[in-house]
Amino acid sequence: MVAVGRGEDIAADARKLGAHRHIDANKENAADALNGMGGVKSILATTGNSAAIAALMPALAPAGRLVVLGVGKDPLPVSTGYLVGA
């Protein structure tokens, strides 16, 4: 499991919860880092930050799953290409 967050302060907590790696989205492009590991089959988003969730979509594999647990005020901008596997 790979955790993505903003700031190193949550890295230790992520590792305690089972993450093998923490990507600090303030320091690197998280989607690029995930794609460098082969992409992901699923994204479990616990933030209400729609822009942060949308930024991870390029790392999601075709037929992958996006599970959103946090709800924000802003709409989630998702390209229809991600929805049909293009």
PDB file of N, CA and C in Angstrom:
ATOM      1  N   MET A   1       0.847  -1.171   0.000  1.00  0.00           N
ATOM      2  CA  MET A   1       0.000   0.000   0.000  1.00  0.00           C
ATOM      3  C   MET A   1       0.894   1.237   0.000  1.00  0.00           C
ATOM      4  N   VAL A   2       0.499   2.198  -0.792  1.00  0.00           N
ATOM      5  CA  VAL A   2       1.211   3.467  -0.876  1.00  0.00           C
ATOM      6  C   VAL A   2       0.262   4.562  -0.415  1.00  0.00           C
ATOM      7  N   ALA A   3       0.723   5.406   0.480  1.00  0.00           N
ATOM      8  CA  ALA A   3      -0.076   6.529   0.961  1.00  0.00           C
ATOM      9  C   ALA A   3       0.388   7.806   0.282  1.00  0.00           C
ATOM     10  N   VAL A   4      -0.565   8.640  -0.089  1.00  0.00           N
ATOM     11  CA  VAL A   4      -0.258   9.937  -0.676  1.00  0.00           C
ATOM     12  C   VAL A   4      -0.840  10.993   0.241  1.00  0.00           C
ATOM     13  N   GLY A   5      -0.035  11.968   0.591  1.00  0.00           N
ATOM     14  CA  GLY A   5      -0.502  13.048   1.450  1.00  0.00           C
ATOM     15  C   GLY A   5       0.306  14.298   1.200  1.00  0.00           C
ATOM     16  N   ARG A   6      -0.056  15.332   1.899  1.00  0.00           N
ATOM     17  CA  ARG A   6       0.649  16.610   1.775  1.00  0.00           C
ATOM     18  C   ARG A   6       1.370  16.885   3.084  1.00  0.00           C
ATOM     19  N   GLY A   7       2.670  16.649   3.078  1.00  0.00           N
ATOM     20  CA  GLY A   7       3.481  16.905   4.258  1.00  0.00           C
ATOM     21  C   GLY A   7       4.026  15.625   4.866  1.00  0.00           C
ATOM     22  N   GLU A   8       5.240  15.719   5.360  1.00  0.00           N
ATOM     23  CA  GLU A   8       5.897  14.564   5.973  1.00  0.00           C
ATOM     24  C   GLU A   8       5.326  14.232   7.347  1.00  0.00           C
ATOM     25  N   ASP A   9       4.561  15.147   7.927  1.00  0.00           N
ATOM     26  CA  ASP A   9       4.037  14.909   9.269  1.00  0.00           C
ATOM     27  C   ASP A   9       3.083  13.721   9.325  1.00  0.00           C
ATOM     28  N   ILE A  10       2.486  13.342   8.200  1.00  0.00           N
ATOM     29  CA  ILE A  10       1.570  12.199   8.213  1.00  0.00           C
ATOM     30  C   ILE A  10       2.238  10.897   7.772  1.00  0.00           C
ATOM     31  N   ALA A  11       3.491  10.963   7.359  1.00  0.00           N
ATOM     32  CA  ALA A  11       4.183   9.774   6.863  1.00  0.00           C
ATOM     33  C   ALA A  11       4.264   8.680   7.923  1.00  0.00           C
ATOM     34  N   ALA A  12       4.607   9.040   9.142  1.00  0.00           N
ATOM     35  CA  ALA A  12       4.727   8.037  10.209  1.00  0.00           C
ATOM     36  C   ALA A  12       3.380   7.380  10.491  1.00  0.00           C
ATOM     37  N   ASP A  13       2.319   8.178  10.509  1.00  0.00           N
ATOM     38  CA  ASP A  13       0.984   7.612  10.734  1.00  0.00           C
ATOM     39  C   ASP A  13       0.590   6.675   9.598  1.00  0.00           C
ATOM     40  N   ALA A  14       0.901   7.060   8.373  1.00  0.00           N
ATOM     41  CA  ALA A  14       0.575   6.220   7.218  1.00  0.00           C
ATOM     42  C   ALA A  14       1.297   4.879   7.308  1.00  0.00           C
ATOM     43  N   ARG A  15       2.541   4.916   7.724  1.00  0.00           N
ATOM     44  CA  ARG A  15       3.306   3.668   7.848  1.00  0.00           C
ATOM     45  C   ARG A  15       2.752   2.795   8.970  1.00  0.00           C
ATOM     46  N   LYS A  16       2.316   3.405  10.057  1.00  0.00           N
ATOM     47  CA  LYS A  16       1.701   2.640  11.153  1.00  0.00           C
ATOM     48  C   LYS A  16       0.420   1.956  10.694  1.00  0.00           C
ATOM     49  N   LEU A  17      -0.256   2.556   9.728  1.00  0.00           N
ATOM     50  CA  LEU A  17      -1.503   1.988   9.207  1.00  0.00           C
ATOM     51  C   LEU A  17      -1.260   0.988   8.075  1.00  0.00           C
ATOM     52  N   GLY A  18       0.009   0.736   7.743  1.00  0.00           N
ATOM     53  CA  GLY A  18       0.322  -0.299   6.773  1.00  0.00           C
ATOM     54  C   GLY A  18       0.920   0.155   5.461  1.00  0.00           C
ATOM     55  N   ALA A  19       1.131   1.440   5.292  1.00  0.00           N
ATOM     56  CA  ALA A  19       1.726   1.919   4.042  1.00  0.00           C
ATOM     57  C   ALA A  19       3.190   1.507   3.969  1.00  0.00           C
ATOM     58  N   HIS A  20       3.597   1.035   2.802  1.00  0.00           N
ATOM     59  CA  HIS A  20       4.993   0.677   2.579  1.00  0.00           C
ATOM     60  C   HIS A  20       5.793   1.897   2.129  1.00  0.00           C
ATOM     61  N   ARG A  21       5.068   2.852   1.552  1.00  0.00           N
ATOM     62  CA  ARG A  21       5.712   4.077   1.076  1.00  0.00           C
ATOM     63  C   ARG A  21       4.745   5.235   1.231  1.00  0.00           C
ATOM     64  N   HIS A  22       5.293   6.407   1.510  1.00  0.00           N
ATOM     65  CA  HIS A  22       4.507   7.637   1.583  1.00  0.00           C
ATOM     66  C   HIS A  22       5.009   8.584   0.512  1.00  0.00           C
ATOM     67  N   ILE A  23       4.101   9.117  -0.286  1.00  0.00           N
ATOM     68  CA  ILE A  23       4.449  10.112  -1.297  1.00  0.00           C
ATOM     69  C   ILE A  23       3.954  11.458  -0.790  1.00  0.00           C
ATOM     70  N   ASP A  24       4.868  12.394  -0.638  1.00  0.00           N
ATOM     71  CA  ASP A  24       4.506  13.744  -0.216  1.00  0.00           C
ATOM     72  C   ASP A  24       4.152  14.541  -1.468  1.00  0.00           C
ATOM     73  N   ALA A  25       2.873  14.802  -1.648  1.00  0.00           N
ATOM     74  CA  ALA A  25       2.397  15.498  -2.844  1.00  0.00           C
ATOM     75  C   ALA A  25       2.856  16.953  -2.894  1.00  0.00           C
ATOM     76  N   ASN A  26       3.389  17.465  -1.795  1.00  0.00           N
ATOM     77  CA  ASN A  26       3.967  18.813  -1.813  1.00  0.00           C
ATOM     78  C   ASN A  26       5.353  18.815  -2.445  1.00  0.00           C
ATOM     79  N   LYS A  27       5.995  17.640  -2.473  1.00  0.00           N
ATOM     80  CA  LYS A  27       7.370  17.556  -2.967  1.00  0.00           C
ATOM     81  C   LYS A  27       7.502  16.883  -4.322  1.00  0.00           C
ATOM     82  N   GLU A  28       6.528  16.065  -4.706  1.00  0.00           N
ATOM     83  CA  GLU A  28       6.614  15.378  -5.993  1.00  0.00           C
ATOM     84  C   GLU A  28       5.220  15.164  -6.563  1.00  0.00           C
ATOM     85  N   ASN A  29       5.165  14.946  -7.861  1.00  0.00           N
ATOM     86  CA  ASN A  29       3.898  14.683  -8.525  1.00  0.00           C
ATOM     87  C   ASN A  29       3.488  13.255  -8.174  1.00  0.00           C
ATOM     88  N   ALA A  30       2.417  13.120  -7.405  1.00  0.00           N
ATOM     89  CA  ALA A  30       2.010  11.811  -6.904  1.00  0.00           C
ATOM     90  C   ALA A  30       1.609  10.863  -8.029  1.00  0.00           C
ATOM     91  N   ALA A  31       0.899  11.353  -9.039  1.00  0.00           N
ATOM     92  CA  ALA A  31       0.492  10.486 -10.147  1.00  0.00           C
ATOM     93  C   ALA A  31       1.713   9.961 -10.893  1.00  0.00           C
ATOM     94  N   ASP A  32       2.698  10.819 -11.121  1.00  0.00           N
ATOM     95  CA  ASP A  32       3.928  10.376 -11.785  1.00  0.00           C
ATOM     96  C   ASP A  32       4.655   9.329 -10.948  1.00  0.00           C
ATOM     97  N   ALA A  33       4.716   9.554  -9.642  1.00  0.00           N
ATOM     98  CA  ALA A  33       5.386   8.601  -8.753  1.00  0.00           C
ATOM     99  C   ALA A  33       4.664   7.256  -8.768  1.00  0.00           C
ATOM    100  N   LEU A  34       3.334   7.283  -8.727  1.00  0.00           N
ATOM    101  CA  LEU A  34       2.557   6.040  -8.757  1.00  0.00           C
ATOM    102  C   LEU A  34       2.705   5.333 -10.102  1.00  0.00           C
ATOM    103  N   ASN A  35       2.687   6.097 -11.183  1.00  0.00           N
ATOM    104  CA  ASN A  35       2.890   5.495 -12.504  1.00  0.00           C
ATOM    105  C   ASN A  35       4.284   4.898 -12.629  1.00  0.00           C
ATOM    106  N   GLY A  36       5.258   5.511 -11.972  1.00  0.00           N
ATOM    107  CA  GLY A  36       6.610   4.972 -11.960  1.00  0.00           C
ATOM    108  C   GLY A  36       6.699   3.628 -11.260  1.00  0.00           C
ATOM    109  N   MET A  37       5.712   3.341 -10.421  1.00  0.00           N
ATOM    110  CA  MET A  37       5.632   2.047  -9.732  1.00  0.00           C
ATOM    111  C   MET A  37       4.705   1.087 -10.473  1.00  0.00           C
ATOM    112  N   GLY A  38       4.230   1.500 -11.639  1.00  0.00           N
ATOM    113  CA  GLY A  38       3.349   0.630 -12.418  1.00  0.00           C
ATOM    114  C   GLY A  38       1.884   1.018 -12.377  1.00  0.00           C
ATOM    115  N   GLY A  39       1.554   2.131 -11.739  1.00  0.00           N
ATOM    116  CA  GLY A  39       0.158   2.557 -11.637  1.00  0.00           C
ATOM    117  C   GLY A  39      -0.547   1.845 -10.495  1.00  0.00           C
ATOM    118  N   VAL A  40      -1.824   2.152 -10.332  1.00  0.00           N
ATOM    119  CA  VAL A  40      -2.579   1.581  -9.216  1.00  0.00           C
ATOM    120  C   VAL A  40      -3.898   0.986  -9.701  1.00  0.00           C
ATOM    121  N   LYS A  41      -4.338  -0.056  -9.018  1.00  0.00           N
ATOM    122  CA  LYS A  41      -5.616  -0.688  -9.336  1.00  0.00           C
ATOM    123  C   LYS A  41      -6.767   0.019  -8.639  1.00  0.00           C
ATOM    124  N   SER A  42      -6.458   0.691  -7.534  1.00  0.00           N
ATOM    125  CA  SER A  42      -7.514   1.395  -6.815  1.00  0.00           C
ATOM    126  C   SER A  42      -6.948   2.600  -6.079  1.00  0.00           C
ATOM    127  N   ILE A  43      -7.821   3.570  -5.899  1.00  0.00           N
ATOM    128  CA  ILE A  43      -7.511   4.760  -5.113  1.00  0.00           C
ATOM    129  C   ILE A  43      -8.590   4.868  -4.052  1.00  0.00           C
ATOM    130  N   LEU A  44      -8.188   4.935  -2.805  1.00  0.00           N
ATOM    131  CA  LEU A  44      -9.103   5.160  -1.694  1.00  0.00           C
ATOM    132  C   LEU A  44      -8.843   6.578  -1.209  1.00  0.00           C
ATOM    133  N   ALA A  45      -9.744   7.478  -1.549  1.00  0.00           N
ATOM    134  CA  ALA A  45      -9.564   8.896  -1.224  1.00  0.00           C
ATOM    135  C   ALA A  45     -10.328   9.233   0.048  1.00  0.00           C
ATOM    136  N   THR A  46      -9.602   9.724   1.037  1.00  0.00           N
ATOM    137  CA  THR A  46     -10.226  10.095   2.307  1.00  0.00           C
ATOM    138  C   THR A  46     -10.216  11.600   2.521  1.00  0.00           C
ATOM    139  N   THR A  47      -9.880  12.335   1.495  1.00  0.00           N
ATOM    140  CA  THR A  47      -9.858  13.789   1.578  1.00  0.00           C
ATOM    141  C   THR A  47     -11.075  14.363   0.870  1.00  0.00           C
ATOM    142  N   GLY A  48     -11.473  15.524   1.261  1.00  0.00           N
ATOM    143  CA  GLY A  48     -12.544  16.219   0.562  1.00  0.00           C
ATOM    144  C   GLY A  48     -12.017  17.162  -0.501  1.00  0.00           C
ATOM    145  N   ASN A  49     -10.715  17.117  -0.749  1.00  0.00           N
ATOM    146  CA  ASN A  49     -10.071  18.006  -1.708  1.00  0.00           C
ATOM    147  C   ASN A  49     -10.200  17.413  -3.114  1.00  0.00           C
ATOM    148  N   SER A  50     -11.150  17.920  -3.876  1.00  0.00           N
ATOM    149  CA  SER A  50     -11.428  17.387  -5.210  1.00  0.00           C
ATOM    150  C   SER A  50     -10.233  17.497  -6.147  1.00  0.00           C
ATOM    151  N   ALA A  51      -9.493  18.585  -6.057  1.00  0.00           N
ATOM    152  CA  ALA A  51      -8.330  18.764  -6.928  1.00  0.00           C
ATOM    153  C   ALA A  51      -7.262  17.711  -6.631  1.00  0.00           C
ATOM    154  N   ALA A  52      -7.076  17.384  -5.360  1.00  0.00           N
ATOM    155  CA  ALA A  52      -6.086  16.369  -4.987  1.00  0.00           C
ATOM    156  C   ALA A  52      -6.490  14.998  -5.514  1.00  0.00           C
ATOM    157  N   ILE A  53      -7.775  14.693  -5.458  1.00  0.00           N
ATOM    158  CA  ILE A  53      -8.260  13.408  -5.971  1.00  0.00           C
ATOM    159  C   ILE A  53      -8.096  13.355  -7.486  1.00  0.00           C
ATOM    160  N   ALA A  54      -8.499  14.409  -8.163  1.00  0.00           N
ATOM    161  CA  ALA A  54      -8.400  14.459  -9.624  1.00  0.00           C
ATOM    162  C   ALA A  54      -6.950  14.334 -10.087  1.00  0.00           C
ATOM    163  N   ALA A  55      -6.020  14.862  -9.309  1.00  0.00           N
ATOM    164  CA  ALA A  55      -4.607  14.804  -9.677  1.00  0.00           C
ATOM    165  C   ALA A  55      -4.067  13.375  -9.671  1.00  0.00           C
ATOM    166  N   LEU A  56      -4.736  12.469  -8.964  1.00  0.00           N
ATOM    167  CA  LEU A  56      -4.293  11.073  -8.904  1.00  0.00           C
ATOM    168  C   LEU A  56      -4.871  10.220 -10.030  1.00  0.00           C
ATOM    169  N   MET A  57      -5.901  10.691 -10.692  1.00  0.00           N
ATOM    170  CA  MET A  57      -6.582   9.897 -11.716  1.00  0.00           C
ATOM    171  C   MET A  57      -5.665   9.374 -12.819  1.00  0.00           C
ATOM    172  N   PRO A  58      -4.653  10.128 -13.265  1.00  0.00           N
ATOM    173  CA  PRO A  58      -3.771   9.586 -14.305  1.00  0.00           C
ATOM    174  C   PRO A  58      -3.009   8.325 -13.882  1.00  0.00           C
ATOM    175  N   ALA A  59      -2.950   8.035 -12.593  1.00  0.00           N
ATOM    176  CA  ALA A  59      -2.244   6.840 -12.118  1.00  0.00           C
ATOM    177  C   ALA A  59      -3.157   5.622 -12.029  1.00  0.00           C
ATOM    178  N   LEU A  60      -4.454   5.815 -12.194  1.00  0.00           N
ATOM    179  CA  LEU A  60      -5.411   4.719 -12.059  1.00  0.00           C
ATOM    180  C   LEU A  60      -5.422   3.860 -13.319  1.00  0.00           C
ATOM    181  N   ALA A  61      -5.274   2.559 -13.138  1.00  0.00           N
ATOM    182  CA  ALA A  61      -5.245   1.618 -14.260  1.00  0.00           C
ATOM    183  C   ALA A  61      -6.617   1.530 -14.928  1.00  0.00           C
ATOM    184  N   PRO A  62      -6.653   1.133 -16.204  1.00  0.00           N
ATOM    185  CA  PRO A  62      -7.946   0.890 -16.853  1.00  0.00           C
ATOM    186  C   PRO A  62      -8.749  -0.121 -16.029  1.00  0.00           C
ATOM    187  N   ALA A  63     -10.021   0.124 -15.891  1.00  0.00           N
ATOM    188  CA  ALA A  63     -10.928  -0.699 -15.081  1.00  0.00           C
ATOM    189  C   ALA A  63     -10.582  -0.625 -13.597  1.00  0.00           C
ATOM    190  N   GLY A  64      -9.796   0.391 -13.204  1.00  0.00           N
ATOM    191  CA  GLY A  64      -9.463   0.585 -11.799  1.00  0.00           C
ATOM    192  C   GLY A  64     -10.643   1.169 -11.043  1.00  0.00           C
ATOM    193  N   ARG A  65     -10.501   1.239  -9.744  1.00  0.00           N
ATOM    194  CA  ARG A  65     -11.595   1.731  -8.898  1.00  0.00           C
ATOM    195  C   ARG A  65     -11.167   2.968  -8.122  1.00  0.00           C
ATOM    196  N   LEU A  66     -12.051   3.942  -8.115  1.00  0.00           N
ATOM    197  CA  LEU A  66     -11.879   5.137  -7.303  1.00  0.00           C
ATOM    198  C   LEU A  66     -12.963   5.110  -6.239  1.00  0.00           C
ATOM    199  N   VAL A  67     -12.550   5.066  -4.978  1.00  0.00           N
ATOM    200  CA  VAL A  67     -13.485   5.079  -3.858  1.00  0.00           C
ATOM    201  C   VAL A  67     -13.256   6.385  -3.111  1.00  0.00           C
ATOM    202  N   VAL A  68     -14.291   7.214  -3.037  1.00  0.00           N
ATOM    203  CA  VAL A  68     -14.179   8.522  -2.401  1.00  0.00           C
ATOM    204  C   VAL A  68     -14.959   8.499  -1.089  1.00  0.00           C
ATOM    205  N   LEU A  69     -14.248   8.670   0.018  1.00  0.00           N
ATOM    206  CA  LEU A  69     -14.886   8.683   1.332  1.00  0.00           C
ATOM    207  C   LEU A  69     -15.092  10.095   1.865  1.00  0.00           C
ATOM    208  N   GLY A  70     -14.272  11.024   1.423  1.00  0.00           N
ATOM    209  CA  GLY A  70     -14.403  12.408   1.861  1.00  0.00           C
ATOM    210  C   GLY A  70     -15.160  13.210   0.822  1.00  0.00           C
ATOM    211  N   VAL A  71     -16.062  14.033   1.265  1.00  0.00           N
ATOM    212  CA  VAL A  71     -16.851  14.840   0.336  1.00  0.00           C
ATOM    213  C   VAL A  71     -16.494  16.299   0.529  1.00  0.00           C
ATOM    214  N   GLY A  72     -16.122  16.941  -0.569  1.00  0.00           N
ATOM    215  CA  GLY A  72     -15.781  18.355  -0.510  1.00  0.00           C
ATOM    216  C   GLY A  72     -16.884  19.209  -1.102  1.00  0.00           C
ATOM    217  N   LYS A  73     -16.682  20.501  -1.043  1.00  0.00           N
ATOM    218  CA  LYS A  73     -17.660  21.444  -1.583  1.00  0.00           C
ATOM    219  C   LYS A  73     -17.575  21.551  -3.097  1.00  0.00           C
ATOM    220  N   ASP A  74     -16.381  21.337  -3.640  1.00  0.00           N
ATOM    221  CA  ASP A  74     -16.162  21.510  -5.073  1.00  0.00           C
ATOM    222  C   ASP A  74     -16.460  20.221  -5.830  1.00  0.00           C
ATOM    223  N   PRO A  75     -16.921  20.349  -7.085  1.00  0.00           N
ATOM    224  CA  PRO A  75     -17.143  19.152  -7.902  1.00  0.00           C
ATOM    225  C   PRO A  75     -15.823  18.437  -8.180  1.00  0.00           C
ATOM    226  N   LEU A  76     -15.914  17.156  -8.450  1.00  0.00           N
ATOM    227  CA  LEU A  76     -14.737  16.358  -8.776  1.00  0.00           C
ATOM    228  C   LEU A  76     -14.546  16.383 -10.290  1.00  0.00           C
ATOM    229  N   PRO A  77     -13.525  17.105 -10.767  1.00  0.00           N
ATOM    230  CA  PRO A  77     -13.309  17.192 -12.213  1.00  0.00           C
ATOM    231  C   PRO A  77     -12.600  15.940 -12.734  1.00  0.00           C
ATOM    232  N   VAL A  78     -13.341  15.093 -13.414  1.00  0.00           N
ATOM    233  CA  VAL A  78     -12.782  13.853 -13.942  1.00  0.00           C
ATOM    234  C   VAL A  78     -13.031  13.805 -15.443  1.00  0.00           C
ATOM    235  N   SER A  79     -11.975  13.604 -16.198  1.00  0.00           N
ATOM    236  CA  SER A  79     -12.101  13.477 -17.642  1.00  0.00           C
ATOM    237  C   SER A  79     -12.880  12.206 -17.972  1.00  0.00           C
ATOM    238  N   THR A  80     -13.778  12.289 -18.925  1.00  0.00           N
ATOM    239  CA  THR A  80     -14.554  11.104 -19.296  1.00  0.00           C
ATOM    240  C   THR A  80     -13.661   9.994 -19.837  1.00  0.00           C
ATOM    241  N   GLY A  81     -12.486  10.332 -20.326  1.00  0.00           N
ATOM    242  CA  GLY A  81     -11.545   9.316 -20.786  1.00  0.00           C
ATOM    243  C   GLY A  81     -11.179   8.335 -19.690  1.00  0.00           C
ATOM    244  N   TYR A  82     -11.090   8.817 -18.453  1.00  0.00           N
ATOM    245  CA  TYR A  82     -10.783   7.930 -17.331  1.00  0.00           C
ATOM    246  C   TYR A  82     -11.957   7.012 -17.011  1.00  0.00           C
ATOM    247  N   LEU A  83     -13.155   7.446 -17.335  1.00  0.00           N
ATOM    248  CA  LEU A  83     -14.340   6.652 -17.022  1.00  0.00           C
ATOM    249  C   LEU A  83     -14.560   5.507 -18.003  1.00  0.00           C
ATOM    250  N   VAL A  84     -14.048   5.653 -19.213  1.00  0.00           N
ATOM    251  CA  VAL A  84     -14.249   4.615 -20.223  1.00  0.00           C
ATOM    252  C   VAL A  84     -12.962   3.871 -20.558  1.00  0.00           C
ATOM    253  N   GLY A  85     -11.891   4.177 -19.844  1.00  0.00           N
ATOM    254  CA  GLY A  85     -10.639   3.457 -20.044  1.00  0.00           C
ATOM    255  C   GLY A  85      -9.823   3.924 -21.227  1.00  0.00           C
ATOM    256  N   ALA A  86     -10.056   5.145 -21.677  1.00  0.00           N
ATOM    257  CA  ALA A  86      -9.295   5.668 -22.821  1.00  0.00           C
ATOM    258  C   ALA A  86      -7.939   6.157 -22.394  1.00  0.00           C
TER     259      ALA A  86
END
